[in-house]
Amino acid sequence: MSESGIRAQIKSTLEAVPGIGAVHDYERYPRSLGDFFLAMTGGSPAQVNGWVVHRESARAERATMGRGGQIERAHVFKLTGFYALDDGAGSEKDFQALIEAVFEAFKGDWYGTAAWRADLLQIESVTVTAVEETGADLYHIAECSLAVYERVSA
């Protein structure tokens, strides 16, 4: 169990969601927004539909007392989804359905041996933003959080 193992399991779980698009297991920082949104298409000129995974924090506390005890670490990951807005096609409904599919993927014991346990995925916000650099295109953005716990030797 480790942060990298948990991150890999999160990426694998996301990639198994039908229609998920490009999945990146690290925060992306391209030189321009155009390059960023190209990364969210998987590198082809297709529709923007992508997710990034980023660990925001890792809290630790003793799980057992005494020498040789265990420490429980709570890794909090941010999962951010980006989806091109197409009002005529009802992209809001498609994106909301995709977010629900992501929630479903993470509601069971998805973490296998990568972690001790995990909280339920939290959908923190779903918004729309305009990006001037891409010609004032509109994009749906979902911010989700996921706390995943591992136990390590003290």
N, C-alpha and C. Protein backbone atom coordinates (compact mmCIF):
# COMPACT_ATOMS: atom_id res chain seq x y z
N MET A 1 0.84 -1.18 0.00
CA MET A 1 0.00 0.00 0.00
C MET A 1 0.88 1.24 0.00
N SER A 2 0.58 2.17 -0.88
CA SER A 2 1.32 3.41 -0.96
C SER A 2 0.50 4.42 -1.74
N GLU A 3 0.92 5.66 -1.68
CA GLU A 3 0.22 6.70 -2.43
C GLU A 3 0.22 6.36 -3.92
N SER A 4 1.34 5.91 -4.44
CA SER A 4 1.40 5.61 -5.87
C SER A 4 0.51 4.42 -6.24
N GLY A 5 0.40 3.43 -5.37
CA GLY A 5 -0.50 2.30 -5.62
C GLY A 5 -1.95 2.72 -5.59
N ILE A 6 -2.30 3.59 -4.66
CA ILE A 6 -3.67 4.09 -4.57
C ILE A 6 -3.99 4.93 -5.81
N ARG A 7 -3.07 5.81 -6.19
CA ARG A 7 -3.27 6.65 -7.38
C ARG A 7 -3.48 5.78 -8.62
N ALA A 8 -2.67 4.73 -8.77
CA ALA A 8 -2.81 3.83 -9.92
C ALA A 8 -4.17 3.14 -9.91
N GLN A 9 -4.67 2.77 -8.73
CA GLN A 9 -5.98 2.12 -8.65
C GLN A 9 -7.10 3.11 -8.98
N ILE A 10 -6.96 4.36 -8.54
CA ILE A 10 -7.95 5.38 -8.89
C ILE A 10 -7.99 5.56 -10.41
N LYS A 11 -6.82 5.66 -11.04
CA LYS A 11 -6.76 5.83 -12.50
C LYS A 11 -7.41 4.64 -13.20
N SER A 12 -7.08 3.45 -12.76
CA SER A 12 -7.64 2.24 -13.36
C SER A 12 -9.16 2.20 -13.23
N THR A 13 -9.66 2.58 -12.06
CA THR A 13 -11.10 2.59 -11.82
C THR A 13 -11.78 3.62 -12.72
N LEU A 14 -11.19 4.80 -12.85
CA LEU A 14 -11.75 5.83 -13.74
C LEU A 14 -11.76 5.35 -15.19
N GLU A 15 -10.66 4.77 -15.62
CA GLU A 15 -10.56 4.32 -17.02
C GLU A 15 -11.59 3.26 -17.36
N ALA A 16 -12.09 2.53 -16.38
CA ALA A 16 -13.08 1.48 -16.62
C ALA A 16 -14.50 2.04 -16.78
N VAL A 17 -14.71 3.32 -16.50
CA VAL A 17 -16.03 3.93 -16.63
C VAL A 17 -16.32 4.16 -18.12
N PRO A 18 -17.42 3.62 -18.64
CA PRO A 18 -17.75 3.83 -20.06
C PRO A 18 -17.90 5.32 -20.39
N GLY A 19 -17.24 5.76 -21.47
CA GLY A 19 -17.34 7.14 -21.93
C GLY A 19 -16.50 8.14 -21.15
N ILE A 20 -15.55 7.66 -20.34
CA ILE A 20 -14.80 8.55 -19.45
C ILE A 20 -13.86 9.49 -20.19
N GLY A 21 -13.35 9.13 -21.32
CA GLY A 21 -12.41 9.99 -22.03
C GLY A 21 -11.00 9.80 -21.53
N ALA A 22 -10.17 10.83 -21.69
CA ALA A 22 -8.76 10.78 -21.28
C ALA A 22 -8.67 10.85 -19.76
N VAL A 23 -7.80 10.03 -19.16
CA VAL A 23 -7.58 10.04 -17.71
C VAL A 23 -6.09 10.25 -17.46
N HIS A 24 -5.77 11.26 -16.66
CA HIS A 24 -4.39 11.57 -16.30
C HIS A 24 -4.24 11.40 -14.80
N ASP A 25 -3.23 10.66 -14.37
CA ASP A 25 -3.05 10.40 -12.95
C ASP A 25 -2.13 11.42 -12.28
N TYR A 26 -2.10 12.61 -12.82
CA TYR A 26 -1.37 13.73 -12.23
C TYR A 26 -1.99 15.03 -12.75
N GLU A 27 -1.77 16.11 -12.01
CA GLU A 27 -2.26 17.43 -12.41
C GLU A 27 -1.52 17.85 -13.67
N ARG A 28 -2.23 18.36 -14.65
CA ARG A 28 -1.63 18.77 -15.92
C ARG A 28 -1.36 20.27 -15.92
N TYR A 29 -0.19 20.66 -16.44
CA TYR A 29 0.21 22.07 -16.50
C TYR A 29 0.80 22.41 -17.88
N PRO A 30 0.05 22.24 -18.96
CA PRO A 30 0.58 22.61 -20.28
C PRO A 30 0.84 24.12 -20.36
N ARG A 31 1.58 24.52 -21.37
CA ARG A 31 1.94 25.93 -21.53
C ARG A 31 0.76 26.82 -21.89
N SER A 32 -0.29 26.26 -22.49
CA SER A 32 -1.44 27.08 -22.88
C SER A 32 -2.72 26.30 -22.58
N LEU A 33 -3.82 27.03 -22.49
CA LEU A 33 -5.11 26.36 -22.28
C LEU A 33 -5.47 25.49 -23.48
N GLY A 34 -5.08 25.92 -24.67
CA GLY A 34 -5.32 25.11 -25.86
C GLY A 34 -4.65 23.75 -25.74
N ASP A 35 -3.40 23.76 -25.27
CA ASP A 35 -2.68 22.50 -25.06
C ASP A 35 -3.32 21.66 -23.95
N PHE A 36 -3.81 22.36 -22.91
CA PHE A 36 -4.47 21.66 -21.81
C PHE A 36 -5.71 20.92 -22.32
N PHE A 37 -6.55 21.63 -23.07
CA PHE A 37 -7.76 20.99 -23.56
C PHE A 37 -7.48 19.93 -24.61
N LEU A 38 -6.38 20.05 -25.35
CA LEU A 38 -5.97 18.98 -26.26
C LEU A 38 -5.62 17.73 -25.45
N ALA A 39 -4.96 17.91 -24.29
CA ALA A 39 -4.66 16.77 -23.41
C ALA A 39 -5.94 16.12 -22.90
N MET A 40 -6.99 16.91 -22.74
CA MET A 40 -8.27 16.39 -22.25
C MET A 40 -9.06 15.67 -23.34
N THR A 41 -8.53 15.63 -24.56
CA THR A 41 -9.16 14.87 -25.64
C THR A 41 -8.39 13.59 -25.92
N GLY A 42 -7.31 13.38 -25.20
CA GLY A 42 -6.46 12.21 -25.47
C GLY A 42 -5.50 12.47 -26.62
N GLY A 43 -5.32 13.74 -27.00
CA GLY A 43 -4.36 14.09 -28.04
C GLY A 43 -4.93 14.18 -29.44
N SER A 44 -6.19 13.85 -29.62
CA SER A 44 -6.82 13.95 -30.94
C SER A 44 -7.76 15.15 -30.92
N PRO A 45 -8.17 15.64 -32.07
CA PRO A 45 -9.06 16.81 -32.10
C PRO A 45 -10.52 16.46 -31.79
N ALA A 46 -10.73 15.48 -30.96
CA ALA A 46 -12.09 15.07 -30.60
C ALA A 46 -12.64 16.00 -29.52
N GLN A 47 -13.82 15.70 -29.03
CA GLN A 47 -14.46 16.49 -27.98
C GLN A 47 -13.66 16.44 -26.68
N VAL A 48 -13.59 17.59 -26.00
CA VAL A 48 -12.94 17.64 -24.69
C VAL A 48 -13.74 16.79 -23.72
N ASN A 49 -13.09 15.79 -23.17
CA ASN A 49 -13.69 14.86 -22.21
C ASN A 49 -12.54 14.20 -21.48
N GLY A 50 -12.16 14.75 -20.33
CA GLY A 50 -11.00 14.20 -19.64
C GLY A 50 -11.04 14.45 -18.15
N TRP A 51 -10.23 13.70 -17.44
CA TRP A 51 -10.15 13.76 -15.98
C TRP A 51 -8.71 13.80 -15.54
N VAL A 52 -8.45 14.51 -14.44
CA VAL A 52 -7.14 14.50 -13.81
C VAL A 52 -7.31 14.11 -12.34
N VAL A 53 -6.28 13.45 -11.81
CA VAL A 53 -6.26 12.99 -10.42
C VAL A 53 -5.09 13.67 -9.73
N HIS A 54 -5.35 14.24 -8.56
CA HIS A 54 -4.32 14.97 -7.82
C HIS A 54 -4.51 14.74 -6.33
N ARG A 55 -3.43 14.37 -5.62
CA ARG A 55 -3.54 14.25 -4.17
C ARG A 55 -3.42 15.63 -3.55
N GLU A 56 -4.44 16.01 -2.77
CA GLU A 56 -4.45 17.32 -2.12
C GLU A 56 -3.80 17.30 -0.75
N SER A 57 -3.95 16.21 -0.01
CA SER A 57 -3.41 16.16 1.35
C SER A 57 -3.26 14.71 1.80
N ALA A 58 -2.55 14.53 2.90
CA ALA A 58 -2.40 13.21 3.51
C ALA A 58 -2.25 13.41 5.02
N ARG A 59 -3.30 13.14 5.74
CA ARG A 59 -3.32 13.26 7.20
C ARG A 59 -2.91 11.92 7.79
N ALA A 60 -2.15 11.94 8.89
CA ALA A 60 -1.72 10.69 9.53
C ALA A 60 -2.04 10.73 11.02
N GLU A 61 -2.40 9.56 11.56
CA GLU A 61 -2.60 9.42 13.01
C GLU A 61 -2.31 7.99 13.41
N ARG A 62 -2.01 7.80 14.67
CA ARG A 62 -1.73 6.46 15.15
C ARG A 62 -3.03 5.67 15.23
N ALA A 63 -3.01 4.48 14.64
CA ALA A 63 -4.19 3.62 14.65
C ALA A 63 -4.16 2.67 15.84
N THR A 64 -2.96 2.32 16.30
CA THR A 64 -2.80 1.43 17.45
C THR A 64 -1.74 2.00 18.36
N MET A 65 -1.82 1.69 19.62
CA MET A 65 -0.88 2.21 20.60
C MET A 65 0.34 1.29 20.75
N GLY A 66 1.40 1.84 21.30
CA GLY A 66 2.58 1.04 21.62
C GLY A 66 3.56 0.92 20.48
N ARG A 67 4.69 0.29 20.83
CA ARG A 67 5.72 0.08 19.82
C ARG A 67 5.24 -0.92 18.79
N GLY A 68 5.70 -0.74 17.59
CA GLY A 68 5.32 -1.66 16.52
C GLY A 68 3.87 -1.51 16.10
N GLY A 69 3.25 -0.42 16.52
CA GLY A 69 1.86 -0.18 16.15
C GLY A 69 1.71 0.22 14.70
N GLN A 70 0.54 0.68 14.37
CA GLN A 70 0.27 1.08 13.00
C GLN A 70 -0.15 2.54 12.93
N ILE A 71 0.14 3.13 11.80
CA ILE A 71 -0.26 4.49 11.49
C ILE A 71 -1.28 4.43 10.36
N GLU A 72 -2.35 5.18 10.52
CA GLU A 72 -3.35 5.27 9.46
C GLU A 72 -3.15 6.60 8.73
N ARG A 73 -3.00 6.52 7.43
CA ARG A 73 -2.85 7.72 6.59
C ARG A 73 -4.11 7.90 5.77
N ALA A 74 -4.64 9.12 5.78
CA ALA A 74 -5.83 9.46 4.98
C ALA A 74 -5.37 10.33 3.81
N HIS A 75 -5.34 9.74 2.63
CA HIS A 75 -4.97 10.47 1.42
C HIS A 75 -6.25 11.06 0.83
N VAL A 76 -6.26 12.36 0.61
CA VAL A 76 -7.43 12.99 -0.01
C VAL A 76 -7.05 13.37 -1.43
N PHE A 77 -7.74 12.75 -2.38
CA PHE A 77 -7.50 13.00 -3.80
C PHE A 77 -8.59 13.89 -4.37
N LYS A 78 -8.19 14.74 -5.30
CA LYS A 78 -9.14 15.55 -6.06
C LYS A 78 -9.23 14.94 -7.46
N LEU A 79 -10.44 14.67 -7.91
CA LEU A 79 -10.68 14.17 -9.25
C LEU A 79 -11.46 15.27 -9.97
N THR A 80 -10.89 15.78 -11.05
CA THR A 80 -11.52 16.88 -11.77
C THR A 80 -11.83 16.43 -13.19
N GLY A 81 -13.09 16.62 -13.60
CA GLY A 81 -13.52 16.25 -14.93
C GLY A 81 -13.78 17.48 -15.78
N PHE A 82 -13.44 17.41 -17.06
CA PHE A 82 -13.65 18.50 -18.02
C PHE A 82 -14.43 17.93 -19.20
N TYR A 83 -15.44 18.68 -19.65
CA TYR A 83 -16.31 18.17 -20.71
C TYR A 83 -16.79 19.36 -21.54
N ALA A 84 -16.65 19.27 -22.86
CA ALA A 84 -17.08 20.37 -23.74
C ALA A 84 -18.58 20.56 -23.66
N LEU A 85 -19.00 21.81 -23.53
CA LEU A 85 -20.43 22.13 -23.46
C LEU A 85 -21.00 22.25 -24.87
N ASP A 86 -22.10 21.56 -25.10
CA ASP A 86 -22.84 21.64 -26.36
C ASP A 86 -24.31 21.72 -25.99
N ASP A 87 -24.82 22.95 -25.91
CA ASP A 87 -26.19 23.16 -25.44
C ASP A 87 -27.21 22.43 -26.31
N GLY A 88 -27.05 22.48 -27.61
CA GLY A 88 -28.00 21.84 -28.52
C GLY A 88 -28.06 20.33 -28.35
N ALA A 89 -26.95 19.75 -27.97
CA ALA A 89 -26.90 18.29 -27.79
C ALA A 89 -27.22 17.88 -26.35
N GLY A 90 -27.47 18.85 -25.47
CA GLY A 90 -27.78 18.51 -24.07
C GLY A 90 -26.60 17.94 -23.31
N SER A 91 -25.42 18.52 -23.53
CA SER A 91 -24.21 17.98 -22.89
C SER A 91 -24.30 18.00 -21.37
N GLU A 92 -25.11 18.89 -20.81
CA GLU A 92 -25.28 18.92 -19.34
C GLU A 92 -25.76 17.56 -18.85
N LYS A 93 -26.74 16.98 -19.53
CA LYS A 93 -27.28 15.67 -19.12
C LYS A 93 -26.23 14.57 -19.29
N ASP A 94 -25.49 14.63 -20.39
CA ASP A 94 -24.45 13.63 -20.63
C ASP A 94 -23.36 13.69 -19.56
N PHE A 95 -22.94 14.92 -19.22
CA PHE A 95 -21.89 15.08 -18.23
C PHE A 95 -22.37 14.65 -16.84
N GLN A 96 -23.60 15.01 -16.49
CA GLN A 96 -24.14 14.59 -15.20
C GLN A 96 -24.24 13.06 -15.13
N ALA A 97 -24.63 12.41 -16.23
CA ALA A 97 -24.68 10.95 -16.26
C ALA A 97 -23.28 10.35 -16.11
N LEU A 98 -22.28 11.00 -16.71
CA LEU A 98 -20.91 10.52 -16.58
C LEU A 98 -20.44 10.64 -15.13
N ILE A 99 -20.76 11.75 -14.48
CA ILE A 99 -20.39 11.94 -13.07
C ILE A 99 -21.04 10.86 -12.21
N GLU A 100 -22.30 10.54 -12.49
CA GLU A 100 -22.98 9.48 -11.74
C GLU A 100 -22.30 8.12 -11.97
N ALA A 101 -21.85 7.88 -13.19
CA ALA A 101 -21.13 6.62 -13.48
C ALA A 101 -19.81 6.57 -12.71
N VAL A 102 -19.15 7.71 -12.57
CA VAL A 102 -17.91 7.77 -11.78
C VAL A 102 -18.23 7.46 -10.33
N PHE A 103 -19.30 8.06 -9.80
CA PHE A 103 -19.69 7.76 -8.42
C PHE A 103 -19.94 6.26 -8.24
N GLU A 104 -20.66 5.66 -9.15
CA GLU A 104 -20.97 4.22 -9.08
C GLU A 104 -19.69 3.38 -9.08
N ALA A 105 -18.71 3.78 -9.88
CA ALA A 105 -17.46 3.03 -9.97
C ALA A 105 -16.70 3.03 -8.65
N PHE A 106 -16.87 4.10 -7.86
CA PHE A 106 -16.12 4.22 -6.62
C PHE A 106 -16.92 3.87 -5.37
N LYS A 107 -18.15 3.40 -5.51
CA LYS A 107 -18.94 3.17 -4.30
C LYS A 107 -18.70 1.81 -3.65
N GLY A 108 -18.11 0.88 -4.35
CA GLY A 108 -17.83 -0.43 -3.77
C GLY A 108 -16.40 -0.53 -3.27
N ASP A 109 -15.89 -1.72 -3.18
CA ASP A 109 -14.51 -1.97 -2.75
C ASP A 109 -13.57 -1.92 -3.96
N TRP A 110 -13.53 -0.79 -4.62
CA TRP A 110 -12.78 -0.60 -5.86
C TRP A 110 -11.27 -0.63 -5.63
N TYR A 111 -10.80 -0.39 -4.42
CA TYR A 111 -9.38 -0.17 -4.14
C TYR A 111 -8.58 -1.44 -4.00
N GLY A 112 -9.22 -2.61 -3.97
CA GLY A 112 -8.50 -3.88 -3.93
C GLY A 112 -7.49 -3.94 -2.80
N THR A 113 -6.25 -4.25 -3.11
CA THR A 113 -5.19 -4.33 -2.10
C THR A 113 -4.40 -3.03 -1.99
N ALA A 114 -4.79 -2.00 -2.75
CA ALA A 114 -4.05 -0.74 -2.75
C ALA A 114 -4.27 0.07 -1.48
N ALA A 115 -5.35 -0.21 -0.74
CA ALA A 115 -5.66 0.58 0.45
C ALA A 115 -6.40 -0.26 1.47
N TRP A 116 -6.54 0.31 2.65
CA TRP A 116 -7.25 -0.37 3.73
C TRP A 116 -8.75 -0.15 3.60
N ARG A 117 -9.15 1.10 3.27
CA ARG A 117 -10.55 1.42 3.06
C ARG A 117 -10.63 2.76 2.36
N ALA A 118 -11.84 3.14 1.96
CA ALA A 118 -12.05 4.44 1.30
C ALA A 118 -13.43 4.97 1.65
N ASP A 119 -13.54 6.28 1.73
CA ASP A 119 -14.84 6.92 1.89
C ASP A 119 -15.54 6.94 0.54
N LEU A 120 -16.78 7.31 0.54
CA LEU A 120 -17.50 7.47 -0.72
C LEU A 120 -16.99 8.70 -1.46
N LEU A 121 -17.03 8.65 -2.78
CA LEU A 121 -16.67 9.78 -3.61
C LEU A 121 -17.63 10.93 -3.32
N GLN A 122 -17.09 12.12 -3.13
CA GLN A 122 -17.91 13.31 -2.90
C GLN A 122 -17.88 14.18 -4.16
N ILE A 123 -19.04 14.54 -4.66
CA ILE A 123 -19.14 15.45 -5.80
C ILE A 123 -19.24 16.85 -5.19
N GLU A 124 -18.14 17.57 -5.22
CA GLU A 124 -18.05 18.87 -4.54
C GLU A 124 -18.73 19.99 -5.33
N SER A 125 -18.54 20.00 -6.65
CA SER A 125 -19.18 21.04 -7.47
C SER A 125 -19.22 20.61 -8.92
N VAL A 126 -20.22 21.12 -9.62
CA VAL A 126 -20.35 20.93 -11.07
C VAL A 126 -20.66 22.32 -11.62
N THR A 127 -19.75 22.84 -12.42
CA THR A 127 -19.91 24.21 -12.92
C THR A 127 -19.67 24.27 -14.42
N VAL A 128 -19.83 25.47 -14.96
CA VAL A 128 -19.52 25.75 -16.35
C VAL A 128 -18.58 26.94 -16.36
N THR A 129 -17.57 26.89 -17.22
CA THR A 129 -16.65 28.01 -17.33
C THR A 129 -16.39 28.32 -18.80
N ALA A 130 -16.16 29.60 -19.08
CA ALA A 130 -15.80 30.03 -20.43
C ALA A 130 -14.29 30.17 -20.49
N VAL A 131 -13.72 29.78 -21.61
CA VAL A 131 -12.28 29.87 -21.79
C VAL A 131 -12.02 30.78 -22.99
N GLU A 132 -11.58 32.00 -22.71
CA GLU A 132 -11.35 33.00 -23.76
C GLU A 132 -10.29 32.56 -24.76
N GLU A 133 -9.25 31.89 -24.28
CA GLU A 133 -8.13 31.51 -25.15
C GLU A 133 -8.58 30.54 -26.25
N THR A 134 -9.65 29.79 -26.00
CA THR A 134 -10.14 28.85 -27.01
C THR A 134 -11.35 29.42 -27.74
N GLY A 135 -11.47 30.75 -27.79
CA GLY A 135 -12.57 31.37 -28.51
C GLY A 135 -13.83 31.47 -27.69
N ALA A 136 -13.70 31.58 -26.38
CA ALA A 136 -14.83 31.67 -25.44
C ALA A 136 -15.69 30.41 -25.47
N ASP A 137 -15.04 29.27 -25.71
CA ASP A 137 -15.75 28.00 -25.62
C ASP A 137 -16.18 27.79 -24.18
N LEU A 138 -17.25 27.02 -23.99
CA LEU A 138 -17.75 26.71 -22.66
C LEU A 138 -17.44 25.26 -22.32
N TYR A 139 -17.13 25.02 -21.04
CA TYR A 139 -16.80 23.67 -20.59
C TYR A 139 -17.49 23.39 -19.26
N HIS A 140 -17.99 22.17 -19.13
CA HIS A 140 -18.48 21.69 -17.84
C HIS A 140 -17.25 21.25 -17.05
N ILE A 141 -17.25 21.52 -15.75
CA ILE A 141 -16.15 21.09 -14.88
C ILE A 141 -16.75 20.48 -13.62
N ALA A 142 -16.29 19.29 -13.26
CA ALA A 142 -16.72 18.63 -12.02
C ALA A 142 -15.53 18.50 -11.10
N GLU A 143 -15.73 18.86 -9.84
CA GLU A 143 -14.71 18.70 -8.80
C GLU A 143 -15.22 17.65 -7.82
N CYS A 144 -14.48 16.57 -7.69
CA CYS A 144 -14.84 15.50 -6.76
C CYS A 144 -13.68 15.27 -5.80
N SER A 145 -14.00 14.74 -4.62
CA SER A 145 -12.94 14.39 -3.68
C SER A 145 -13.14 12.97 -3.21
N LEU A 146 -12.03 12.35 -2.84
CA LEU A 146 -12.04 10.96 -2.43
C LEU A 146 -10.98 10.75 -1.37
N ALA A 147 -11.41 10.33 -0.18
CA ALA A 147 -10.46 10.01 0.90
C ALA A 147 -10.20 8.51 0.90
N VAL A 148 -8.93 8.14 0.85
CA VAL A 148 -8.52 6.74 0.81
C VAL A 148 -7.52 6.52 1.94
N TYR A 149 -7.71 5.44 2.68
CA TYR A 149 -6.94 5.18 3.90
C TYR A 149 -6.02 3.99 3.73
N GLU A 150 -4.81 4.16 4.21
CA GLU A 150 -3.87 3.03 4.24
C GLU A 150 -3.31 2.92 5.66
N ARG A 151 -2.92 1.72 6.01
CA ARG A 151 -2.27 1.49 7.31
C ARG A 151 -0.84 1.05 7.04
N VAL A 152 0.09 1.70 7.75
CA VAL A 152 1.50 1.39 7.61
C VAL A 152 2.10 1.14 9.00
N SER A 153 3.19 0.44 9.03
CA SER A 153 3.86 0.17 10.31
C SER A 153 4.46 1.44 10.86
N ALA A 154 4.40 1.55 12.19
CA ALA A 154 4.95 2.75 12.86
C ALA A 154 6.46 2.69 12.89
